[in-house]
Protein backbone atom coordinates (compact mmCIF):
# COMPACT_ATOMS: atom_id res chain seq x y z
CA MET A 1 17.08 44.39 16.36
CA PHE A 2 15.55 41.22 17.18
CA LEU A 3 16.37 38.98 19.99
CA PRO A 4 18.03 35.43 19.32
CA VAL A 5 16.96 32.74 22.15
CA ILE A 6 19.54 30.20 21.83
CA MET A 7 18.16 26.53 23.22
CA ALA A 8 20.96 25.11 24.78
CA GLY A 9 19.19 21.61 26.66
CA GLY A 10 18.94 18.09 25.13
CA SER A 11 20.89 15.21 26.01
CA GLY A 12 22.84 14.25 22.53
CA SER A 13 22.64 9.98 23.03
CA ARG A 14 23.00 9.62 19.06
CA LEU A 15 26.48 11.34 19.15
CA TRP A 16 28.00 8.76 22.12
CA PRO A 17 30.59 8.06 23.35
CA LEU A 18 31.79 12.01 22.53
CA SER A 19 28.20 13.65 23.80
CA ARG A 20 26.84 12.39 27.17
CA SER A 21 23.97 13.67 29.19
CA ALA A 22 25.70 15.97 30.88
CA TYR A 23 28.12 16.96 28.54
CA PRO A 24 25.83 17.11 25.19
CA LYS A 25 26.70 17.83 21.81
CA GLN A 26 26.05 21.57 21.80
CA TYR A 27 29.04 21.90 24.12
CA LEU A 28 31.33 19.80 21.85
CA PRO A 29 33.60 21.26 19.03
CA LEU A 30 32.76 19.14 16.33
CA THR A 31 33.04 20.68 13.13
CA SER A 32 35.49 23.98 14.48
CA ASP A 33 37.85 24.40 17.05
CA ASN A 34 34.30 26.23 18.30
CA SER A 35 31.44 24.22 20.27
CA MET A 36 28.07 23.81 18.24
CA LEU A 37 26.96 26.69 21.11
CA GLN A 38 29.79 29.23 20.20
CA GLU A 39 29.18 28.65 15.98
CA THR A 40 25.63 29.27 17.24
CA VAL A 41 26.01 32.82 18.63
CA LEU A 42 28.91 33.68 15.87
CA ARG A 43 27.02 33.08 13.07
CA LEU A 44 24.63 35.87 13.86
CA ALA A 45 27.28 38.23 13.34
CA GLY A 46 26.03 40.60 10.31
CA THR A 47 22.48 40.85 11.73
CA LYS A 48 21.22 43.21 13.62
CA HIS A 49 20.35 41.72 17.12
CA ARG A 50 20.66 41.71 20.66
CA SER A 51 22.66 40.16 23.34
CA PRO A 52 21.65 35.97 23.06
CA MET A 53 19.08 34.76 25.58
CA VAL A 54 20.46 31.09 26.44
CA ILE A 55 18.37 28.48 28.15
CA CYS A 56 19.55 25.77 29.61
CA ASN A 57 19.44 23.36 32.49
CA GLU A 58 20.84 23.78 36.07
CA ASP A 59 23.63 20.92 35.44
CA SER A 60 25.36 22.67 32.28
CA ARG A 61 24.73 26.14 33.32
CA PHE A 62 28.77 26.68 34.43
CA MET A 63 29.79 25.37 30.80
CA VAL A 64 27.04 27.14 29.15
CA ALA A 65 28.62 30.29 30.99
CA GLU A 66 32.25 29.93 30.37
CA GLN A 67 31.75 29.48 26.47
CA LEU A 68 29.54 32.40 25.69
CA ARG A 69 32.48 34.25 28.14
CA ALA A 70 35.18 32.99 26.01
CA ILE A 71 33.77 34.43 22.86
CA ASP A 72 32.34 37.57 24.65
CA ALA A 73 28.92 36.68 24.09
CA LEU A 74 27.99 36.31 28.04
CA LYS A 75 26.14 40.11 28.01
CA SER A 76 22.63 39.14 29.73
CA PRO A 77 22.02 36.22 32.14
CA VAL A 78 21.66 32.78 31.08
CA VAL A 79 17.84 31.29 32.05
CA LEU A 80 17.82 28.39 33.83
CA GLU A 81 14.95 25.12 33.79
CA PRO A 82 14.76 23.54 36.85
CA VAL A 83 13.61 20.46 34.74
CA GLY A 84 12.74 19.82 30.85
CA ARG A 85 9.56 20.63 29.54
CA ASN A 86 9.90 20.59 26.14
CA THR A 87 9.93 23.70 23.58
CA ALA A 88 6.86 25.57 24.17
CA PRO A 89 7.66 26.38 27.87
CA ALA A 90 11.23 27.45 27.55
CA ILE A 91 10.15 29.46 24.70
CA ALA A 92 7.29 31.00 26.84
CA LEU A 93 10.02 31.35 29.69
CA ALA A 94 12.36 33.50 26.77
CA ALA A 95 9.08 35.30 25.65
CA LEU A 96 7.52 36.11 29.54
CA GLN A 97 11.06 37.32 30.35
CA ALA A 98 11.44 39.39 26.93
CA VAL A 99 8.32 41.48 27.76
CA ALA A 100 9.54 41.72 31.38
CA ASP A 101 11.47 44.83 30.41
CA GLY A 102 8.77 46.33 28.72
CA ASP A 103 9.69 45.80 25.65
CA ASP A 104 8.28 43.72 22.71
CA PRO A 105 11.28 42.31 20.63
CA VAL A 106 11.18 39.96 17.73
CA LEU A 107 12.44 36.50 19.13
CA LEU A 108 14.33 34.55 16.72
CA VAL A 109 14.61 31.05 18.16
CA LEU A 110 17.89 28.49 17.88
CA ALA A 111 18.64 25.21 18.59
CA ALA A 112 22.42 25.30 20.26
CA ASP A 113 23.21 22.08 18.23
CA HIS A 114 22.69 22.67 14.43
CA VAL A 115 25.02 23.48 11.45
CA ILE A 116 24.87 26.32 9.07
CA LYS A 117 27.63 26.58 6.23
CA ASN A 118 26.51 29.30 4.05
CA GLN A 119 25.94 32.16 6.87
CA THR A 120 24.81 34.95 4.08
CA ALA A 121 21.93 32.75 3.24
CA PHE A 122 21.33 32.24 6.67
CA ALA A 123 21.47 36.44 7.48
CA GLU A 124 19.05 37.13 4.28
CA ALA A 125 16.60 34.35 5.43
CA ILE A 126 16.64 35.98 8.91
CA ASN A 127 15.94 39.38 7.14
CA LYS A 128 13.05 38.17 5.16
CA ALA A 129 11.86 36.52 8.82
CA GLN A 130 11.88 39.56 10.85
CA ALA A 131 10.29 41.88 8.41
CA LEU A 132 7.01 38.95 8.24
CA ALA A 133 7.37 38.87 12.28
CA GLU A 134 7.10 42.66 12.79
CA GLN A 135 3.59 42.44 10.63
CA ASP A 136 2.65 39.21 13.58
CA ALA A 137 3.43 36.35 11.34
CA MET A 138 4.27 33.27 12.98
CA VAL A 139 7.11 32.43 11.05
CA THR A 140 9.11 29.11 11.17
CA PHE A 141 12.11 28.11 8.47
CA GLY A 142 11.78 25.32 6.10
CA ILE A 143 15.03 23.72 5.06
CA VAL A 144 15.01 23.15 1.35
CA PRO A 145 15.50 19.53 1.22
CA THR A 146 18.53 17.74 -0.99
CA HIS A 147 17.66 14.28 -0.52
CA ALA A 148 14.36 12.10 0.58
CA GLU A 149 15.11 12.03 4.59
CA THR A 150 13.05 10.21 6.56
CA GLY A 151 14.56 11.34 9.70
CA TYR A 152 12.92 14.79 9.97
CA GLY A 153 9.71 16.36 10.24
CA TYR A 154 8.34 18.48 6.87
CA ILE A 155 6.13 21.33 6.41
CA LYS A 156 4.02 21.81 3.24
CA ARG A 157 4.13 25.12 2.02
CA GLY A 158 0.50 26.84 1.14
CA SER A 159 -0.22 30.01 -0.79
CA GLU A 160 2.65 32.77 -1.52
CA GLN A 161 3.01 35.62 0.74
CA ASP A 162 5.45 38.09 -0.09
CA THR A 163 8.88 36.64 0.63
CA ALA A 164 7.63 33.53 2.40
CA TYR A 165 4.32 31.04 2.32
CA LYS A 166 1.76 30.04 4.33
CA VAL A 167 2.45 26.99 5.90
CA ASP A 168 -0.13 24.31 4.88
CA CYS A 169 0.47 21.64 7.24
CA PHE A 170 3.22 20.46 9.36
CA VAL A 171 3.71 16.51 9.01
CA GLU A 172 5.27 13.78 10.76
CA LYS A 173 8.31 11.81 9.84
CA PRO A 174 7.98 9.94 6.76
CA ASP A 175 9.13 6.84 5.29
CA LEU A 176 11.13 6.50 2.27
CA ALA A 177 8.28 6.29 -0.49
CA THR A 178 6.44 9.19 0.92
CA ALA A 179 9.88 11.29 1.37
CA THR A 180 10.75 10.67 -2.44
CA GLU A 181 7.28 12.23 -3.00
CA TYR A 182 7.65 14.92 -0.77
CA LEU A 183 11.36 15.68 -2.54
CA ASN A 184 10.12 15.98 -6.09
CA SER A 185 6.66 17.58 -5.65
CA GLY A 186 8.65 20.62 -4.87
CA GLU A 187 6.12 21.55 -2.18
CA TYR A 188 7.50 20.34 1.05
CA TYR A 189 10.18 21.64 3.47
CA TRP A 190 12.15 19.88 6.10
CA ASN A 191 11.42 20.92 9.33
CA SER A 192 14.28 23.12 11.13
CA GLY A 193 12.91 23.82 14.40
CA MET A 194 14.15 27.80 14.29
CA PHE A 195 10.94 30.24 14.41
CA MET A 196 10.80 33.99 14.70
CA PHE A 197 8.46 35.64 15.83
CA LYS A 198 7.13 38.93 18.11
CA ALA A 199 7.39 37.86 21.98
CA SER A 200 3.71 39.11 22.46
CA ARG A 201 2.21 37.22 19.49
CA TYR A 202 3.93 33.91 20.71
CA LEU A 203 2.20 34.66 24.40
CA ALA A 204 -1.21 35.55 22.67
CA GLU A 205 -1.06 32.29 20.67
CA LEU A 206 -0.07 30.44 23.13
CA GLU A 207 -2.52 31.45 25.46
CA LYS A 208 -5.13 30.62 22.62
CA PHE A 209 -3.99 27.02 22.38
CA ASN A 210 -2.47 26.22 25.39
CA PRO A 211 -3.23 28.13 28.39
CA GLU A 212 -2.21 25.93 30.86
CA ILE A 213 1.74 26.27 30.05
CA LEU A 214 1.44 30.07 29.53
CA GLU A 215 -0.03 30.23 32.88
CA ALA A 216 2.33 27.88 34.64
CA CYS A 217 5.15 29.83 32.98
CA LYS A 218 3.96 32.97 34.40
CA LYS A 219 3.98 31.95 37.50
CA ALA A 220 7.42 30.47 37.28
CA ILE A 221 9.06 33.69 35.62
CA GLY A 222 7.14 35.86 38.59
CA ASN A 223 9.18 34.20 41.05
CA THR A 224 12.35 34.77 39.78
CA SER A 225 16.25 34.90 41.37
CA SER A 226 19.50 35.89 40.07
CA ASP A 227 22.74 33.57 41.06
CA LEU A 228 26.21 35.38 39.40
CA ASP A 229 25.29 34.96 35.43
CA PHE A 230 22.21 33.31 35.67
CA VAL A 231 18.34 33.24 36.36
CA ARG A 232 16.33 30.43 38.24
CA VAL A 233 13.02 30.47 38.10
CA ASP A 234 10.19 29.07 40.39
CA LYS A 235 10.50 25.57 40.43
CA ALA A 236 7.64 24.28 41.62
CA ALA A 237 5.79 26.17 39.20
CA PHE A 238 7.67 25.33 36.10
CA GLU A 239 7.76 21.50 37.22
CA ALA A 240 3.48 21.93 36.95
CA CYS A 241 3.70 22.72 33.08
CA PRO A 242 2.93 20.63 30.69
CA ASP A 243 5.35 19.26 28.44
CA ASP A 244 5.10 20.01 24.77
CA SER A 245 6.60 21.14 21.69
CA ILE A 246 6.36 24.22 20.23
CA ASP A 247 5.09 22.78 16.50
CA TYR A 248 2.42 20.60 18.61
CA ALA A 249 1.33 23.68 21.15
CA VAL A 250 1.26 26.57 18.73
CA MET A 251 2.59 26.33 15.21
CA GLU A 252 0.38 23.47 14.04
CA LYS A 253 -3.36 25.87 15.60
CA THR A 254 -2.27 28.84 14.60
CA GLN A 255 -3.71 30.40 11.58
CA ASN A 256 -0.51 33.09 11.15
CA ALA A 257 2.44 30.43 10.21
CA VAL A 258 4.85 31.23 7.22
CA VAL A 259 7.50 29.38 6.21
CA VAL A 260 10.53 30.89 4.94
CA PRO A 261 12.54 28.65 2.83
CA LEU A 262 16.48 27.96 3.62
CA ASP A 263 19.02 26.64 1.97
CA ALA A 264 22.36 27.31 3.79
CA GLY A 265 23.74 24.05 4.10
CA TRP A 266 21.54 23.22 7.17
CA ASN A 267 22.15 20.04 9.44
CA ASP A 268 21.03 18.97 12.87
CA VAL A 269 24.15 16.54 12.99
CA GLY A 270 21.67 14.21 14.96
CA SER A 271 23.52 10.83 13.94
CA TRP A 272 27.71 10.11 13.47
CA SER A 273 26.87 9.97 9.51
CA ALA A 274 25.30 13.54 9.86
CA LEU A 275 28.24 14.68 11.17
CA TRP A 276 30.42 12.72 8.32
CA ASP A 277 28.32 14.45 6.05
CA VAL A 278 29.10 18.16 7.24
CA ASN A 279 32.94 17.82 7.83
CA ASP A 280 35.42 17.97 5.29
CA LYS A 281 36.89 14.88 3.63
CA ASP A 282 39.94 13.88 2.44
CA GLU A 283 40.91 12.52 -0.99
CA ASN A 284 40.23 8.89 0.12
CA GLY A 285 36.34 10.39 1.38
CA ASN A 286 37.68 10.40 5.34
CA ALA A 287 36.30 13.13 7.64
CA VAL A 288 38.83 12.83 10.50
CA ARG A 289 39.52 14.69 13.58
CA GLY A 290 43.10 14.28 15.82
CA ASP A 291 45.82 11.69 15.30
CA PHE A 292 45.12 9.05 12.78
CA ILE A 293 46.77 6.61 10.34
CA GLY A 294 45.00 5.01 7.88
CA GLU A 295 45.73 2.44 5.62
CA ASP A 296 43.76 1.32 2.55
CA THR A 297 40.61 3.25 4.34
CA LYS A 298 38.00 4.86 2.72
CA ASN A 299 34.48 7.30 3.56
CA SER A 300 34.95 6.93 6.92
CA LEU A 301 34.85 9.15 10.12
CA VAL A 302 37.54 8.87 12.81
CA TYR A 303 37.33 10.97 15.79
CA ALA A 304 40.45 10.75 17.96
CA SER A 305 39.78 12.84 20.76
CA VAL A 306 42.49 11.30 23.55
CA GLU A 307 46.03 13.55 23.46
CA GLY A 308 48.38 11.80 22.93
CA ARG A 309 46.68 8.36 21.07
CA MET A 310 46.58 7.70 17.66
CA VAL A 311 44.37 5.83 16.22
CA ALA A 312 45.01 3.59 12.60
CA THR A 313 42.88 1.80 10.53
CA VAL A 314 43.64 -0.75 7.56
CA GLY A 315 41.32 -2.13 5.21
CA VAL A 316 38.12 -0.47 5.88
CA GLN A 317 35.42 1.57 4.90
CA ASP A 318 32.19 3.56 5.58
CA LEU A 319 32.61 2.71 9.40
CA VAL A 320 32.36 5.57 12.23
CA ILE A 321 35.50 5.06 14.91
CA VAL A 322 35.40 7.21 17.68
CA ASP A 323 37.62 6.77 21.00
CA THR A 324 37.54 8.70 24.25
CA LYS A 325 39.32 8.51 27.44
CA ASP A 326 37.13 5.92 28.29
CA ALA A 327 35.11 4.30 25.65
CA VAL A 328 35.44 3.30 21.90
CA MET A 329 32.61 2.89 19.22
CA VAL A 330 33.22 1.13 16.04
CA ALA A 331 29.80 1.21 13.83
CA HIS A 332 29.06 0.88 10.69
CA LYS A 333 27.83 4.59 9.24
CA ASP A 334 24.59 2.85 8.02
CA GLU A 335 23.56 1.52 11.41
CA VAL A 336 24.48 4.80 13.41
CA GLN A 337 20.78 5.40 14.51
CA LYS A 338 21.24 1.96 16.63
CA VAL A 339 23.78 4.08 19.03
CA LYS A 340 20.84 4.92 21.00
CA ASN A 341 20.61 1.44 21.94
CA ILE A 342 23.92 1.28 23.44
CA VAL A 343 23.33 4.23 25.56
CA ASN A 344 19.66 2.58 26.62
CA LYS A 345 21.76 -0.94 28.07
CA LEU A 346 24.06 1.64 29.60
CA LYS A 347 21.54 3.34 31.33
CA ALA A 348 19.80 -0.45 32.29
CA ASP A 349 23.19 -1.13 33.58
CA LYS A 350 23.46 2.03 35.41
CA ARG A 351 26.86 2.82 34.18
CA SER A 352 28.67 6.06 34.23
CA GLU A 353 29.29 6.08 30.82
CA CYS A 354 26.15 7.16 29.55
CA LYS A 355 26.38 10.63 31.44
CA PHE A 356 29.81 11.62 32.63
CA HIS A 357 33.20 11.27 30.51
CA ARG A 358 36.44 10.42 32.79
CA GLU A 359 36.90 14.30 32.41
CA VAL A 360 34.53 16.30 34.44
CA TYR A 361 34.35 19.85 33.96
CA ARG A 362 33.30 22.27 36.76
CA PRO A 363 32.84 26.28 37.34
CA TRP A 364 36.68 26.45 38.86
CA GLY A 365 38.33 24.08 36.05
CA LYS A 366 38.11 20.33 35.54
CA TYR A 367 39.19 17.09 36.79
CA ASP A 368 40.23 13.78 34.64
CA SER A 369 39.76 10.82 37.10
CA ILE A 370 42.68 8.83 35.71
CA ASP A 371 42.90 5.61 38.02
CA ASN A 372 40.75 3.66 40.80
CA GLY A 373 40.39 0.72 42.16
CA SER A 374 39.42 -1.07 45.99
CA ARG A 375 39.65 2.40 48.37
CA TYR A 376 41.34 4.32 45.87
CA GLN A 377 41.15 7.08 43.19
CA VAL A 378 43.28 9.44 41.30
CA LYS A 379 42.39 12.27 39.57
CA ARG A 380 44.16 15.20 38.13
CA ILE A 381 43.00 18.42 38.71
CA THR A 382 43.39 21.63 37.07
CA VAL A 383 42.25 25.09 39.00
CA LYS A 384 41.76 28.47 36.33
CA PRO A 385 43.50 31.12 37.58
CA GLY A 386 41.72 33.02 40.44
CA ALA A 387 39.52 30.07 40.51
CA LYS A 388 38.90 28.23 44.05
CA LEU A 389 36.88 25.07 45.09
CA SER A 390 34.06 25.20 47.54
CA VAL A 391 34.83 25.13 51.64
CA GLN A 392 33.92 21.53 52.22
CA MET A 393 35.07 18.06 54.33
CA HIS A 394 34.59 14.46 53.54
CA HIS A 395 33.47 11.94 55.93
CA HIS A 396 34.92 8.74 54.23
CA ARG A 397 37.80 9.68 52.83
CA ALA A 398 41.17 11.11 52.99
CA GLU A 399 42.58 12.84 49.89
CA HIS A 400 46.70 13.68 49.16
CA TRP A 401 47.45 16.53 46.74
CA ILE A 402 50.75 17.21 44.98
CA VAL A 403 50.92 20.07 42.64
CA VAL A 404 52.60 19.25 39.46
CA SER A 405 52.63 22.95 37.80
CA GLY A 406 51.26 26.42 39.16
CA THR A 407 50.80 27.48 43.11
CA ALA A 408 48.10 26.37 45.14
CA ASN A 409 46.58 28.16 48.38
CA VAL A 410 45.76 25.19 50.78
CA THR A 411 43.44 25.85 53.91
CA ILE A 412 43.10 22.73 56.12
CA ASP A 413 41.24 23.29 59.33
CA GLY A 414 41.65 27.31 59.24
CA LYS A 415 45.18 26.85 58.59
CA ASP A 416 46.49 28.32 54.85
CA ILE A 417 49.65 26.52 53.39
CA LEU A 418 51.27 27.32 50.10
CA LEU A 419 52.34 25.12 47.35
CA THR A 420 54.57 25.11 44.48
CA GLU A 421 55.28 22.38 42.16
CA ASN A 422 56.55 18.90 43.58
CA GLN A 423 54.89 20.30 46.90
CA SER A 424 52.16 18.13 48.65
CA THR A 425 49.45 18.04 51.68
CA TYR A 426 47.49 15.91 53.27
CA ILE A 427 43.55 16.31 54.29
CA PRO A 428 42.66 13.95 56.83
CA VAL A 429 38.79 12.14 56.67
CA GLY A 430 36.50 14.92 58.38
CA ALA A 431 38.70 18.09 58.14
CA VAL A 432 37.43 21.38 56.87
CA HIS A 433 39.55 22.25 53.75
CA ALA A 434 39.69 24.62 50.27
CA LEU A 435 41.70 24.92 47.45
CA GLU A 436 42.23 28.15 45.46
CA ASN A 437 45.03 28.97 42.97
CA PRO A 438 45.91 32.25 43.72
CA GLY A 439 48.42 32.70 40.70
CA LYS A 440 48.41 33.73 37.17
CA VAL A 441 48.41 30.14 35.05
CA PRO A 442 46.56 27.42 35.56
CA LEU A 443 46.96 25.10 38.56
CA GLU A 444 47.71 21.08 38.00
CA LEU A 445 47.84 18.47 40.73
CA ILE A 446 47.40 15.17 41.23
CA GLU A 447 44.82 14.01 43.95
CA VAL A 448 44.79 10.83 45.70
CA GLN A 449 41.84 9.75 47.53
CA SER A 450 41.35 6.45 49.84
CA GLY A 451 38.96 5.26 52.32
CA SER A 452 35.74 3.39 52.08
CA TYR A 453 33.19 5.51 49.69
CA LEU A 454 34.77 8.01 47.39
CA GLY A 455 31.55 9.00 45.72
CA GLU A 456 30.95 12.32 44.75
CA ASP A 457 28.03 12.77 47.14
CA ASP A 458 30.62 13.06 50.22
CA ILE A 459 30.98 16.98 50.05
CA VAL A 460 29.98 18.73 52.25
CA ARG A 461 29.89 22.48 51.22
CA PHE A 462 30.39 25.38 53.91
CA GLU A 463 31.39 27.85 51.45
CA ASP A 464 31.14 28.33 47.41
CA ARG A 465 31.56 31.64 45.75
CA TYR A 466 29.63 29.42 42.64
CA GLY A 467 26.39 29.29 44.79
CA ARG A 468 26.25 25.53 45.47
CA VAL A 469 26.08 25.58 49.05
């Protein structure tokens, strides 16, 4: 049995406004009702594997745990990176964590944001790769190219080795003429960013070529702490780790690299046009999600994500139209790579739309900022059954809570009150308070904040079941 290691970091700015740094594409349902992270786990069905080890950043931890729990896949602690240091250190953490348990499993390293349509072909490629990895090969999966693509790195194959090929070399993203030569030669594959090798073999290769990374990761993993469903590594040690990808740090230097061809409908969904490619189309070539009516509309992608709001188009083609609660993006399919320029402008202007959605997820549920103005803000809050917000207070704002549905157990300065539909309460500035859903159905309430400062950082926590004190 192999150990899947799923890399769930990344910001996904090329799929803005749906994907944002606090809610990137791997956590979104882009090709099905499941998120891309969930699809990554589910496509392992039919293979003999252990419970997946997922690696993510601190901010995404509760979202990852919740999505894994929803598909009954939260069997192992989620490893948290205190800062991003690229793929080589992240995989080193996974390998060190694996061998710390007194074992030496074969690791299957996967990104959480890829689409693979042919699950059978994928499983067959894994079986071939595992046999090679057990013989100490450093396996990478090369995607059989379908066209001259300039957005991917390539792998040139060398001599045939069993069911794979020796890696001749890795090459950077080419121009169109070079990519066409690669395609016509039949000797090149797209670099998928997926790998398979023994944990000990990866650590040995890393020690040989990049001992600084290994040393820093050993220090980080040598001082871990457990927190609910998560494993935290030593922050200072990991911050000192060099930033490098597995390609540069190991795979381009090792003499043991082999490539297993993979022809399974792979796509890294790196742009809105790529998402149009992988989604089903209607008779006019339109890929649609949500409430949409089109007249004389062709070869377009329409993503209407706002419940209760329709998107309509007339006389357009080759467009990408994305509607979210706080932003609408319209682009020509041939120009979608420039979406990242919009994100850069949002960052430069310090606008929240580059990081947050209007709807924000928390370990206890979510809130939707439905209105705001001078000295006030209105939120719709959803609390999961049995969940509780932290015991907290605010220096600058008061709050009114009105229950829409469900039952709320509210504590204000040590006094408990039970509220049901259409009942409300008031929390003065400085009052120590908490909100809990004691019921069996979600609690929905409207929160009206008023005061001189309404930022999320005006929260002083005293107790929190999610370890945020």
